[in-house]
Amino acid sequence: MNDVSETRAIKRAFGDHAYRLLASSNKSMLGHMLGAAGAISTVVAVRAIQEGIIPPTVNLEKADPECDLDYVPLQPRAATINAAMVNAFGFGGQNAALIVRRYA
């Protein structure tokens, strides 16, 4: 249910461009980290920009049909990344989105 909601939000925010974005979830590797999730996800996003590697969404064998974006399933992917958005949706309504970009 949360994945579908996040997919819909990405599509609403980015329109047709959403289908050209690469999305990934480090929660698939780290689990629920509660208050630390946003901080860890931000570090992962910064490192992805620095290294040019999108971490995979592990265990994504078959996506929900409503989750039809490119979630970088199973294997990391090399890419030039100039900006990354971190979504942190926590229990109890702690919701945040942060965008980090390459420092020029």
C-alpha atoms as a PDB file:
ATOM      1  CA  MET A   1       0.000   0.000   0.000  1.00  0.00           C
ATOM      2  CA  ASN A   2       2.830   2.440   0.854  1.00  0.00           C
ATOM      3  CA  ASP A   3       4.717   1.619  -2.350  1.00  0.00           C
ATOM      4  CA  VAL A   4       1.624   2.349  -4.425  1.00  0.00           C
ATOM      5  CA  SER A   5       1.083   5.660  -2.599  1.00  0.00           C
ATOM      6  CA  GLU A   6       4.709   6.674  -3.126  1.00  0.00           C
ATOM      7  CA  THR A   7       4.549   5.704  -6.807  1.00  0.00           C
ATOM      8  CA  ARG A   8       1.442   7.834  -7.256  1.00  0.00           C
ATOM      9  CA  ALA A   9       3.108  10.775  -5.496  1.00  0.00           C
ATOM     10  CA  ILE A  10       6.198  10.529  -7.727  1.00  0.00           C
ATOM     11  CA  LYS A  11       4.001  10.439 -10.830  1.00  0.00           C
ATOM     12  CA  ARG A  12       1.974  13.402  -9.613  1.00  0.00           C
ATOM     13  CA  ALA A  13       5.093  15.442  -8.848  1.00  0.00           C
ATOM     14  CA  PHE A  14       7.048  14.570 -11.998  1.00  0.00           C
ATOM     15  CA  GLY A  15       4.336  13.767 -14.546  1.00  0.00           C
ATOM     16  CA  ASP A  16       5.516  11.774 -17.568  1.00  0.00           C
ATOM     17  CA  HIS A  17       9.133  12.445 -16.539  1.00  0.00           C
ATOM     18  CA  ALA A  18       8.613   9.986 -13.655  1.00  0.00           C
ATOM     19  CA  TYR A  19       9.051   7.146 -16.152  1.00  0.00           C
ATOM     20  CA  ARG A  20      12.572   8.372 -16.968  1.00  0.00           C
ATOM     21  CA  LEU A  21      13.670   8.522 -13.325  1.00  0.00           C
ATOM     22  CA  LEU A  22      15.524   5.800 -11.458  1.00  0.00           C
ATOM     23  CA  ALA A  23      14.040   4.959  -8.068  1.00  0.00           C
ATOM     24  CA  SER A  24      15.589   2.787  -5.407  1.00  0.00           C
ATOM     25  CA  SER A  25      14.863   1.715  -1.861  1.00  0.00           C
ATOM     26  CA  ASN A  26      17.662   1.072   0.585  1.00  0.00           C
ATOM     27  CA  LYS A  27      15.010  -0.070   3.078  1.00  0.00           C
ATOM     28  CA  SER A  28      14.976  -3.305   1.079  1.00  0.00           C
ATOM     29  CA  MET A  29      18.534  -3.897   2.336  1.00  0.00           C
ATOM     30  CA  LEU A  30      18.438  -2.211   5.751  1.00  0.00           C
ATOM     31  CA  GLY A  31      14.892  -2.730   7.001  1.00  0.00           C
ATOM     32  CA  HIS A  32      12.915  -0.224   9.053  1.00  0.00           C
ATOM     33  CA  MET A  33      15.330   2.065  10.855  1.00  0.00           C
ATOM     34  CA  LEU A  34      12.650   4.350  12.292  1.00  0.00           C
ATOM     35  CA  GLY A  35      14.201   7.737  13.148  1.00  0.00           C
ATOM     36  CA  ALA A  36      17.503   6.929  11.443  1.00  0.00           C
ATOM     37  CA  ALA A  37      15.928   6.039   8.081  1.00  0.00           C
ATOM     38  CA  GLY A  38      15.968   9.554   6.631  1.00  0.00           C
ATOM     39  CA  ALA A  39      19.562  10.183   7.677  1.00  0.00           C
ATOM     40  CA  ILE A  40      20.795   6.860   6.268  1.00  0.00           C
ATOM     41  CA  SER A  41      18.841   7.383   3.040  1.00  0.00           C
ATOM     42  CA  THR A  42      20.419  10.828   2.667  1.00  0.00           C
ATOM     43  CA  VAL A  43      23.913   9.372   3.060  1.00  0.00           C
ATOM     44  CA  VAL A  44      23.067   6.710   0.453  1.00  0.00           C
ATOM     45  CA  ALA A  45      21.801   9.408  -1.954  1.00  0.00           C
ATOM     46  CA  VAL A  46      24.945  11.523  -1.526  1.00  0.00           C
ATOM     47  CA  ARG A  47      27.187   8.500  -2.069  1.00  0.00           C
ATOM     48  CA  ALA A  48      25.171   7.515  -5.158  1.00  0.00           C
ATOM     49  CA  ILE A  49      25.816  10.978  -6.609  1.00  0.00           C
ATOM     50  CA  GLN A  50      29.521  10.760  -5.745  1.00  0.00           C
ATOM     51  CA  GLU A  51      30.045   7.208  -7.008  1.00  0.00           C
ATOM     52  CA  GLY A  52      27.611   7.169  -9.939  1.00  0.00           C
ATOM     53  CA  ILE A  53      25.982   3.977  -8.746  1.00  0.00           C
ATOM     54  CA  ILE A  54      22.266   3.565  -8.012  1.00  0.00           C
ATOM     55  CA  PRO A  55      21.842   0.983  -5.262  1.00  0.00           C
ATOM     56  CA  PRO A  56      19.369  -1.774  -6.108  1.00  0.00           C
ATOM     57  CA  THR A  57      15.986  -2.486  -4.646  1.00  0.00           C
ATOM     58  CA  VAL A  58      16.819  -5.999  -3.519  1.00  0.00           C
ATOM     59  CA  ASN A  59      14.222  -8.781  -3.443  1.00  0.00           C
ATOM     60  CA  LEU A  60      12.096  -7.016  -6.072  1.00  0.00           C
ATOM     61  CA  GLU A  61      11.215 -10.060  -8.132  1.00  0.00           C
ATOM     62  CA  LYS A  62       7.746  -8.931  -9.209  1.00  0.00           C
ATOM     63  CA  ALA A  63       6.417  -5.409  -8.696  1.00  0.00           C
ATOM     64  CA  ASP A  64       2.810  -4.519  -8.029  1.00  0.00           C
ATOM     65  CA  PRO A  65       1.283  -3.536 -11.409  1.00  0.00           C
ATOM     66  CA  GLU A  66       0.564  -0.051 -10.001  1.00  0.00           C
ATOM     67  CA  CYS A  67       4.273   0.346  -9.177  1.00  0.00           C
ATOM     68  CA  ASP A  68       5.410   0.719 -12.763  1.00  0.00           C
ATOM     69  CA  LEU A  69       8.431   3.005 -12.426  1.00  0.00           C
ATOM     70  CA  ASP A  70      12.069   1.921 -12.785  1.00  0.00           C
ATOM     71  CA  TYR A  71      12.934   0.759  -9.261  1.00  0.00           C
ATOM     72  CA  VAL A  72      16.420  -0.534 -10.182  1.00  0.00           C
ATOM     73  CA  PRO A  73      15.523  -4.097  -9.230  1.00  0.00           C
ATOM     74  CA  LEU A  74      18.028  -6.632  -7.905  1.00  0.00           C
ATOM     75  CA  GLN A  75      21.296  -5.184  -9.266  1.00  0.00           C
ATOM     76  CA  PRO A  76      23.020  -1.804  -8.824  1.00  0.00           C
ATOM     77  CA  ARG A  77      23.185   0.378 -11.903  1.00  0.00           C
ATOM     78  CA  ALA A  78      25.792   2.862 -13.063  1.00  0.00           C
ATOM     79  CA  ALA A  79      24.392   6.284 -13.911  1.00  0.00           C
ATOM     80  CA  THR A  80      25.359   9.939 -13.942  1.00  0.00           C
ATOM     81  CA  ILE A  81      23.391  11.394 -11.063  1.00  0.00           C
ATOM     82  CA  ASN A  82      23.126  15.143 -10.687  1.00  0.00           C
ATOM     83  CA  ALA A  83      20.324  15.210  -8.118  1.00  0.00           C
ATOM     84  CA  ALA A  84      18.557  12.739  -5.877  1.00  0.00           C
ATOM     85  CA  MET A  85      15.359  12.936  -3.878  1.00  0.00           C
ATOM     86  CA  VAL A  86      15.044  11.184  -0.537  1.00  0.00           C
ATOM     87  CA  ASN A  87      11.534  10.405   0.658  1.00  0.00           C
ATOM     88  CA  ALA A  88      11.197   9.632   4.353  1.00  0.00           C
ATOM     89  CA  PHE A  89       7.735   8.524   5.352  1.00  0.00           C
ATOM     90  CA  GLY A  90       7.755   7.344   8.943  1.00  0.00           C
ATOM     91  CA  PHE A  91       5.353   5.804  11.359  1.00  0.00           C
ATOM     92  CA  GLY A  92       3.048   8.275  13.014  1.00  0.00           C
ATOM     93  CA  GLY A  93       3.034  10.769  10.167  1.00  0.00           C
ATOM     94  CA  GLN A  94       6.669  11.905  10.050  1.00  0.00           C
ATOM     95  CA  ASN A  95       6.919  12.762   6.369  1.00  0.00           C
ATOM     96  CA  ALA A  96       9.745  14.552   4.610  1.00  0.00           C
ATOM     97  CA  ALA A  97      11.296  14.891   1.190  1.00  0.00           C
ATOM     98  CA  LEU A  98      14.821  16.173   0.641  1.00  0.00           C
ATOM     99  CA  ILE A  99      16.622  16.874  -2.613  1.00  0.00           C
ATOM    100  CA  VAL A 100      20.416  16.750  -2.755  1.00  0.00           C
ATOM    101  CA  ARG A 101      22.438  17.653  -5.817  1.00  0.00           C
ATOM    102  CA  ARG A 102      25.935  17.454  -7.135  1.00  0.00           C
ATOM    103  CA  TYR A 103      28.078  20.337  -5.908  1.00  0.00           C
ATOM    104  CA  ALA A 104      29.501  22.204  -8.868  1.00  0.00           C
END
